[in-house]
PDB file of N, CA and C in Angstrom:
ATOM      1  N   MET A   1       1.570 -14.043  21.162  1.00  0.00           N
ATOM      2  CA  MET A   1       1.130 -12.940  20.263  1.00  0.00           C
ATOM      3  C   MET A   1       0.402 -11.860  21.160  1.00  0.00           C
ATOM      4  N   GLN A   2       1.070 -10.550  20.936  1.00  0.00           N
ATOM      5  CA  GLN A   2       0.751  -9.405  21.653  1.00  0.00           C
ATOM      6  C   GLN A   2      -0.471  -8.841  21.042  1.00  0.00           C
ATOM      7  N   GLN A   3      -1.451  -8.267  21.834  1.00  0.00           N
ATOM      8  CA  GLN A   3      -2.620  -7.603  21.394  1.00  0.00           C
ATOM      9  C   GLN A   3      -2.403  -6.109  21.852  1.00  0.00           C
ATOM     10  N   VAL A   4      -2.531  -5.137  20.892  1.00  0.00           N
ATOM     11  CA  VAL A   4      -2.427  -3.646  21.340  1.00  0.00           C
ATOM     12  C   VAL A   4      -3.596  -2.889  20.632  1.00  0.00           C
ATOM     13  N   ASN A   5      -3.963  -1.893  21.331  1.00  0.00           N
ATOM     14  CA  ASN A   5      -5.072  -1.090  20.701  1.00  0.00           C
ATOM     15  C   ASN A   5      -4.395   0.072  19.715  1.00  0.00           C
ATOM     16  N   ILE A   6      -5.191   0.672  19.001  1.00  0.00           N
ATOM     17  CA  ILE A   6      -4.783   1.513  18.110  1.00  0.00           C
ATOM     18  C   ILE A   6      -3.930   2.741  18.804  1.00  0.00           C
ATOM     19  N   ARG A   7      -4.558   3.169  19.948  1.00  0.00           N
ATOM     20  CA  ARG A   7      -3.860   4.278  20.718  1.00  0.00           C
ATOM     21  C   ARG A   7      -2.494   3.914  21.091  1.00  0.00           C
ATOM     22  N   GLU A   8      -2.293   2.671  21.559  1.00  0.00           N
ATOM     23  CA  GLU A   8      -0.886   2.165  22.013  1.00  0.00           C
ATOM     24  C   GLU A   8      -0.139   2.138  20.620  1.00  0.00           C
ATOM     25  N   VAL A   9      -0.586   1.737  19.587  1.00  0.00           N
ATOM     26  CA  VAL A   9       0.164   1.684  18.319  1.00  0.00           C
ATOM     27  C   VAL A   9       0.738   2.975  17.982  1.00  0.00           C
ATOM     28  N   ARG A  10      -0.047   3.969  18.078  1.00  0.00           N
ATOM     29  CA  ARG A  10       0.389   5.316  17.615  1.00  0.00           C
ATOM     30  C   ARG A  10       1.387   5.924  18.607  1.00  0.00           C
ATOM     31  N   ARG A  11       1.245   5.522  19.780  1.00  0.00           N
ATOM     32  CA  ARG A  11       2.356   5.962  20.872  1.00  0.00           C
ATOM     33  C   ARG A  11       3.547   5.219  20.778  1.00  0.00           C
ATOM     34  N   ASN A  12       3.473   3.969  20.543  1.00  0.00           N
ATOM     35  CA  ASN A  12       4.670   3.029  20.692  1.00  0.00           C
ATOM     36  C   ASN A  12       5.110   2.444  19.289  1.00  0.00           C
ATOM     37  N   ILE A  13       4.904   2.995  18.206  1.00  0.00           N
ATOM     38  CA  ILE A  13       5.225   2.270  16.979  1.00  0.00           C
ATOM     39  C   ILE A  13       6.677   1.709  16.840  1.00  0.00           C
ATOM     40  N   GLY A  14       7.486   2.732  17.354  1.00  0.00           N
ATOM     41  CA  GLY A  14       8.967   2.049  17.306  1.00  0.00           C
ATOM     42  C   GLY A  14       9.153   0.929  18.129  1.00  0.00           C
ATOM     43  N   ARG A  15       8.698   0.950  19.349  1.00  0.00           N
ATOM     44  CA  ARG A  15       8.860  -0.356  20.185  1.00  0.00           C
ATOM     45  C   ARG A  15       8.330  -1.529  19.612  1.00  0.00           C
ATOM     46  N   LEU A  16       6.918  -1.424  18.930  1.00  0.00           N
ATOM     47  CA  LEU A  16       6.327  -2.448  18.249  1.00  0.00           C
ATOM     48  C   LEU A  16       7.060  -3.042  16.975  1.00  0.00           C
ATOM     49  N   LEU A  17       7.556  -1.994  16.233  1.00  0.00           N
ATOM     50  CA  LEU A  17       8.433  -2.455  15.111  1.00  0.00           C
ATOM     51  C   LEU A  17       9.579  -3.157  15.567  1.00  0.00           C
ATOM     52  N   ASP A  18      10.280  -2.825  16.632  1.00  0.00           N
ATOM     53  CA  ASP A  18      11.354  -3.610  17.218  1.00  0.00           C
ATOM     54  C   ASP A  18      10.998  -4.991  17.578  1.00  0.00           C
ATOM     55  N   ALA A  19       9.694  -5.028  18.262  1.00  0.00           N
ATOM     56  CA  ALA A  19       9.333  -6.497  18.660  1.00  0.00           C
ATOM     57  C   ALA A  19       8.974  -7.313  17.304  1.00  0.00           C
ATOM     58  N   VAL A  20       8.425  -6.663  16.468  1.00  0.00           N
ATOM     59  CA  VAL A  20       8.103  -7.361  15.182  1.00  0.00           C
ATOM     60  C   VAL A  20       9.542  -7.942  14.446  1.00  0.00           C
ATOM     61  N   GLU A  21      10.516  -6.867  14.481  1.00  0.00           N
ATOM     62  CA  GLU A  21      11.777  -7.357  13.745  1.00  0.00           C
ATOM     63  C   GLU A  21      12.430  -8.592  14.635  1.00  0.00           C
ATOM     64  N   SER A  22      12.153  -8.729  15.904  1.00  0.00           N
ATOM     65  CA  SER A  22      12.788  -9.714  16.710  1.00  0.00           C
ATOM     66  C   SER A  22      11.789 -10.973  16.447  1.00  0.00           C
ATOM     67  N   GLY A  23      10.856 -10.964  15.736  1.00  0.00           N
ATOM     68  CA  GLY A  23       9.923 -12.267  15.281  1.00  0.00           C
ATOM     69  C   GLY A  23       8.493 -12.343  16.019  1.00  0.00           C
ATOM     70  N   GLU A  24       8.273 -11.327  16.859  1.00  0.00           N
ATOM     71  CA  GLU A  24       6.960 -11.299  17.391  1.00  0.00           C
ATOM     72  C   GLU A  24       5.823 -10.824  16.422  1.00  0.00           C
ATOM     73  N   LYS A  25       4.737 -11.402  16.567  1.00  0.00           N
ATOM     74  CA  LYS A  25       3.579 -10.946  15.864  1.00  0.00           C
ATOM     75  C   LYS A  25       2.638 -10.085  16.729  1.00  0.00           C
ATOM     76  N   ILE A  26       1.854  -9.124  16.234  1.00  0.00           N
ATOM     77  CA  ILE A  26       1.251  -8.141  16.988  1.00  0.00           C
ATOM     78  C   ILE A  26      -0.214  -8.076  16.314  1.00  0.00           C
ATOM     79  N   ILE A  27      -1.362  -8.185  17.118  1.00  0.00           N
ATOM     80  CA  ILE A  27      -2.617  -7.990  16.768  1.00  0.00           C
ATOM     81  C   ILE A  27      -2.963  -6.506  17.167  1.00  0.00           C
ATOM     82  N   ILE A  28      -3.480  -5.832  16.257  1.00  0.00           N
ATOM     83  CA  ILE A  28      -3.915  -4.425  16.563  1.00  0.00           C
ATOM     84  C   ILE A  28      -5.482  -4.492  16.609  1.00  0.00           C
ATOM     85  N   THR A  29      -5.945  -4.029  17.683  1.00  0.00           N
ATOM     86  CA  THR A  29      -7.556  -3.992  17.877  1.00  0.00           C
ATOM     87  C   THR A  29      -8.086  -2.649  17.872  1.00  0.00           C
ATOM     88  N   ARG A  30      -9.385  -2.587  17.555  1.00  0.00           N
ATOM     89  CA  ARG A  30     -10.114  -1.372  17.708  1.00  0.00           C
ATOM     90  C   ARG A  30     -11.419  -1.608  18.444  1.00  0.00           C
ATOM     91  N   ARG A  31     -11.588  -1.073  19.543  1.00  0.00           N
ATOM     92  CA  ARG A  31     -12.777  -1.359  20.402  1.00  0.00           C
ATOM     93  C   ARG A  31     -12.788  -2.802  20.799  1.00  0.00           C
ATOM     94  N   GLY A  32     -11.515  -3.231  21.144  1.00  0.00           N
ATOM     95  CA  GLY A  32     -11.411  -4.675  21.599  1.00  0.00           C
ATOM     96  C   GLY A  32     -11.526  -5.749  20.486  1.00  0.00           C
ATOM     97  N   LYS A  33     -11.667  -5.288  19.259  1.00  0.00           N
ATOM     98  CA  LYS A  33     -11.967  -6.419  18.343  1.00  0.00           C
ATOM     99  C   LYS A  33     -10.533  -6.418  17.231  1.00  0.00           C
ATOM    100  N   PRO A  34     -10.075  -7.444  17.004  1.00  0.00           N
ATOM    101  CA  PRO A  34      -8.901  -7.492  16.043  1.00  0.00           C
ATOM    102  C   PRO A  34      -9.185  -7.002  14.829  1.00  0.00           C
ATOM    103  N   VAL A  35      -8.275  -6.144  14.249  1.00  0.00           N
ATOM    104  CA  VAL A  35      -8.594  -5.584  12.905  1.00  0.00           C
ATOM    105  C   VAL A  35      -7.248  -5.641  11.922  1.00  0.00           C
ATOM    106  N   ALA A  36      -6.022  -5.884  12.512  1.00  0.00           N
ATOM    107  CA  ALA A  36      -4.880  -5.993  11.637  1.00  0.00           C
ATOM    108  C   ALA A  36      -3.884  -6.838  12.414  1.00  0.00           C
ATOM    109  N   LYS A  37      -2.980  -7.405  11.602  1.00  0.00           N
ATOM    110  CA  LYS A  37      -1.934  -8.075  12.225  1.00  0.00           C
ATOM    111  C   LYS A  37      -0.454  -7.466  11.668  1.00  0.00           C
ATOM    112  N   LEU A  38       0.340  -7.080  12.594  1.00  0.00           N
ATOM    113  CA  LEU A  38       1.750  -6.502  12.234  1.00  0.00           C
ATOM    114  C   LEU A  38       2.648  -7.749  12.385  1.00  0.00           C
ATOM    115  N   SER A  39       3.235  -7.866  11.185  1.00  0.00           N
ATOM    116  CA  SER A  39       4.307  -9.015  11.247  1.00  0.00           C
ATOM    117  C   SER A  39       5.307  -8.697  10.191  1.00  0.00           C
ATOM    118  N   ILE A  40       6.468  -9.334  10.382  1.00  0.00           N
ATOM    119  CA  ILE A  40       7.629  -8.997   9.521  1.00  0.00           C
ATOM    120  C   ILE A  40       7.293  -9.365   7.987  1.00  0.00           C
ATOM    121  N   VAL A  41       8.032  -8.516   7.140  1.00  0.00           N
ATOM    122  CA  VAL A  41       7.724  -8.773   5.708  1.00  0.00           C
ATOM    123  C   VAL A  41       8.592  -9.788   5.233  1.00  0.00           C
ATOM    124  N   ASP A  42       8.016 -10.721   4.390  1.00  0.00           N
ATOM    125  CA  ASP A  42       8.812 -11.718   3.707  1.00  0.00           C
ATOM    126  C   ASP A  42       9.786 -11.159   2.816  1.00  0.00           C
ATOM    127  N   ARG A  43      10.904 -11.663   2.692  1.00  0.00           N
ATOM    128  CA  ARG A  43      11.766 -10.990   1.719  1.00  0.00           C
ATOM    129  C   ARG A  43      11.458 -11.320   0.293  1.00  0.00           C
ATOM    130  N   GLU A  44      10.656 -12.396   0.099  1.00  0.00           N
ATOM    131  CA  GLU A  44      10.107 -12.605  -1.325  1.00  0.00           C
ATOM    132  C   GLU A  44       9.079 -11.504  -1.700  1.00  0.00           C
ATOM    133  N   GLU A  45       8.203 -11.164  -0.687  1.00  0.00           N
ATOM    134  CA  GLU A  45       7.243 -10.108  -0.942  1.00  0.00           C
ATOM    135  C   GLU A  45       7.868  -8.807  -1.261  1.00  0.00           C
ATOM    136  N   GLU A  46       8.798  -8.528  -0.461  1.00  0.00           N
ATOM    137  CA  GLU A  46       9.717  -7.188  -0.601  1.00  0.00           C
ATOM    138  C   GLU A  46      10.314  -7.052  -1.977  1.00  0.00           C
ATOM    139  N   ALA A  47      10.786  -8.295  -2.596  1.00  0.00           N
ATOM    140  CA  ALA A  47      11.499  -8.225  -3.738  1.00  0.00           C
ATOM    141  C   ALA A  47      10.613  -8.276  -4.958  1.00  0.00           C
ATOM    142  N   PHE A  48       9.285  -8.204  -4.841  1.00  0.00           N
ATOM    143  CA  PHE A  48       8.283  -8.191  -5.924  1.00  0.00           C
ATOM    144  C   PHE A  48       8.393  -7.000  -6.795  1.00  0.00           C
ATOM    145  N   SER A  49       8.419  -7.220  -8.085  1.00  0.00           N
ATOM    146  CA  SER A  49       8.520  -6.013  -9.100  1.00  0.00           C
ATOM    147  C   SER A  49       7.378  -6.352 -10.220  1.00  0.00           C
ATOM    148  N   PHE A  50       6.888  -5.271 -10.669  1.00  0.00           N
ATOM    149  CA  PHE A  50       5.918  -5.563 -11.768  1.00  0.00           C
ATOM    150  C   PHE A  50       6.648  -5.890 -13.094  1.00  0.00           C
ATOM    151  N   PRO A  51       6.071  -6.718 -13.980  1.00  0.00           N
ATOM    152  CA  PRO A  51       6.604  -7.181 -15.225  1.00  0.00           C
ATOM    153  C   PRO A  51       6.818  -6.033 -16.258  1.00  0.00           C
ATOM    154  N   ASP A  52       7.684  -5.914 -17.091  1.00  0.00           N
ATOM    155  CA  ASP A  52       7.900  -4.965 -18.051  1.00  0.00           C
ATOM    156  C   ASP A  52       6.751  -5.130 -19.009  1.00  0.00           C
ATOM    157  N   ARG A  53       6.234  -3.938 -19.217  1.00  0.00           N
ATOM    158  CA  ARG A  53       5.025  -3.914 -20.150  1.00  0.00           C
ATOM    159  C   ARG A  53       5.135  -3.085 -21.462  1.00  0.00           C
ATOM    160  N   LYS A  54       6.521  -3.103 -21.763  1.00  0.00           N
ATOM    161  CA  LYS A  54       6.868  -2.300 -23.121  1.00  0.00           C
ATOM    162  C   LYS A  54       6.256  -2.947 -24.170  1.00  0.00           C
ATOM    163  N   ASP A  55       6.360  -4.191 -24.425  1.00  0.00           N
ATOM    164  CA  ASP A  55       5.817  -4.868 -25.509  1.00  0.00           C
ATOM    165  C   ASP A  55       4.158  -4.750 -25.655  1.00  0.00           C
ATOM    166  N   PHE A  56       3.666  -4.821 -24.450  1.00  0.00           N
ATOM    167  CA  PHE A  56       2.189  -4.748 -24.443  1.00  0.00           C
ATOM    168  C   PHE A  56       1.777  -3.308 -24.970  1.00  0.00           C
ATOM    169  N   ARG A  57       2.457  -2.239 -24.345  1.00  0.00           N
ATOM    170  CA  ARG A  57       2.077  -0.923 -24.739  1.00  0.00           C
ATOM    171  C   ARG A  57       2.340  -0.528 -26.224  1.00  0.00           C
ATOM    172  N   ALA A  58       3.351  -1.292 -26.824  1.00  0.00           N
ATOM    173  CA  ALA A  58       3.723  -1.178 -28.304  1.00  0.00           C
ATOM    174  C   ALA A  58       2.653  -1.685 -29.049  1.00  0.00           C
ATOM    175  N   GLN A  59       1.695  -2.549 -28.717  1.00  0.00           N
ATOM    176  CA  GLN A  59       0.541  -2.870 -29.545  1.00  0.00           C
ATOM    177  C   GLN A  59      -0.560  -1.743 -29.839  1.00  0.00           C
ATOM    178  N   PHE A  60      -0.617  -0.611 -29.051  1.00  0.00           N
ATOM    179  CA  PHE A  60      -1.426   0.315 -29.114  1.00  0.00           C
ATOM    180  C   PHE A  60      -0.996   1.465 -29.943  1.00  0.00           C
ATOM    181  N   PRO A  61      -1.872   1.949 -30.918  1.00  0.00           N
ATOM    182  CA  PRO A  61      -1.226   3.224 -31.695  1.00  0.00           C
ATOM    183  C   PRO A  61      -1.140   4.349 -30.850  1.00  0.00           C
ATOM    184  N   PRO A  62      -0.372   5.291 -31.114  1.00  0.00           N
ATOM    185  CA  PRO A  62      -0.298   6.554 -30.378  1.00  0.00           C
ATOM    186  C   PRO A  62      -1.407   7.363 -30.306  1.00  0.00           C
ATOM    187  N   SER A  63      -1.733   7.939 -29.307  1.00  0.00           N
ATOM    188  CA  SER A  63      -2.920   8.729 -29.195  1.00  0.00           C
ATOM    189  C   SER A  63      -2.848  10.068 -29.803  1.00  0.00           C
ATOM    190  N   GLU A  64      -3.808  10.487 -30.543  1.00  0.00           N
ATOM    191  CA  GLU A  64      -3.725  11.644 -31.290  1.00  0.00           C
ATOM    192  C   GLU A  64      -3.899  12.887 -30.305  1.00  0.00           C
ATOM    193  N   THR A  65      -4.524  12.760 -29.201  1.00  0.00           N
ATOM    194  CA  THR A  65      -4.647  13.754 -28.060  1.00  0.00           C
ATOM    195  C   THR A  65      -3.805  13.377 -27.011  1.00  0.00           C
ATOM    196  N   SER A  66      -3.143  14.477 -26.330  1.00  0.00           N
ATOM    197  CA  SER A  66      -2.341  14.332 -25.261  1.00  0.00           C
ATOM    198  C   SER A  66      -3.295  14.093 -24.000  1.00  0.00           C
ATOM    199  N   GLY A  67      -2.674  13.444 -23.027  1.00  0.00           N
ATOM    200  CA  GLY A  67      -3.358  13.265 -21.755  1.00  0.00           C
ATOM    201  C   GLY A  67      -3.878  14.541 -21.221  1.00  0.00           C
ATOM    202  N   ILE A  68      -2.968  15.693 -21.272  1.00  0.00           N
ATOM    203  CA  ILE A  68      -3.323  16.889 -20.648  1.00  0.00           C
ATOM    204  C   ILE A  68      -4.615  17.395 -21.179  1.00  0.00           C
ATOM    205  N   HIS A  69      -4.781  17.428 -22.711  1.00  0.00           N
ATOM    206  CA  HIS A  69      -5.946  17.897 -23.359  1.00  0.00           C
ATOM    207  C   HIS A  69      -7.132  16.988 -23.076  1.00  0.00           C
ATOM    208  N   LEU A  70      -7.032  15.765 -22.970  1.00  0.00           N
ATOM    209  CA  LEU A  70      -8.132  15.006 -22.656  1.00  0.00           C
ATOM    210  C   LEU A  70      -8.635  15.336 -21.218  1.00  0.00           C
ATOM    211  N   VAL A  71      -7.761  15.629 -20.203  1.00  0.00           N
ATOM    212  CA  VAL A  71      -8.282  15.854 -18.960  1.00  0.00           C
ATOM    213  C   VAL A  71      -8.892  17.217 -18.945  1.00  0.00           C
ATOM    214  N   GLN A  72      -8.356  18.196 -19.595  1.00  0.00           N
ATOM    215  CA  GLN A  72      -8.966  19.544 -19.698  1.00  0.00           C
ATOM    216  C   GLN A  72     -10.300  19.456 -20.408  1.00  0.00           C
ATOM    217  N   ARG A  73     -10.352  18.683 -21.324  1.00  0.00           N
ATOM    218  CA  ARG A  73     -11.731  18.645 -22.107  1.00  0.00           C
ATOM    219  C   ARG A  73     -12.690  17.985 -21.200  1.00  0.00           C
ATOM    220  N   ILE A  74     -12.400  17.012 -20.477  1.00  0.00           N
ATOM    221  CA  ILE A  74     -13.322  16.323 -19.409  1.00  0.00           C
ATOM    222  C   ILE A  74     -13.844  17.323 -18.348  1.00  0.00           C
ATOM    223  N   ARG A  75     -12.989  18.149 -17.899  1.00  0.00           N
ATOM    224  CA  ARG A  75     -13.140  19.080 -16.892  1.00  0.00           C
ATOM    225  C   ARG A  75     -14.086  20.117 -17.332  1.00  0.00           C
ATOM    226  N   ASN A  76     -13.933  20.489 -18.574  1.00  0.00           N
ATOM    227  CA  ASN A  76     -14.743  21.543 -19.222  1.00  0.00           C
ATOM    228  C   ASN A  76     -16.053  21.115 -19.519  1.00  0.00           C
ATOM    229  N   GLU A  77     -16.204  19.700 -19.894  1.00  0.00           N
ATOM    230  CA  GLU A  77     -17.536  19.182 -20.072  1.00  0.00           C
ATOM    231  C   GLU A  77     -18.372  19.133 -18.824  1.00  0.00           C
ATOM    232  N   ARG A  78     -17.673  18.981 -17.706  1.00  0.00           N
ATOM    233  CA  ARG A  78     -18.277  18.789 -16.347  1.00  0.00           C
ATOM    234  C   ARG A  78     -18.967  20.283 -16.054  1.00  0.00           C
ATOM    235  N   GLY A  79     -18.268  21.221 -16.429  1.00  0.00           N
ATOM    236  CA  GLY A  79     -18.706  22.512 -16.164  1.00  0.00           C
ATOM    237  C   GLY A  79     -18.217  23.051 -14.991  1.00  0.00           C
TER     238      GLY A  79
END
């Protein structure tokens, strides 16, 4: 497992991503302390999608005021 500081990451992101694609895990450090791990994305994570919420939204009555008007009113109240 390779350790690189943030400056190296900024300069060499392409090389580091190539290493990750070939299976290597990379620890990113700040001031010598590990803060993140760069690793390949699981295909299962990549395929994640949010469930359809159409039925859930249908349970709520339509709003009498549009979102634009609500935001404008809130802004006006703040002054």
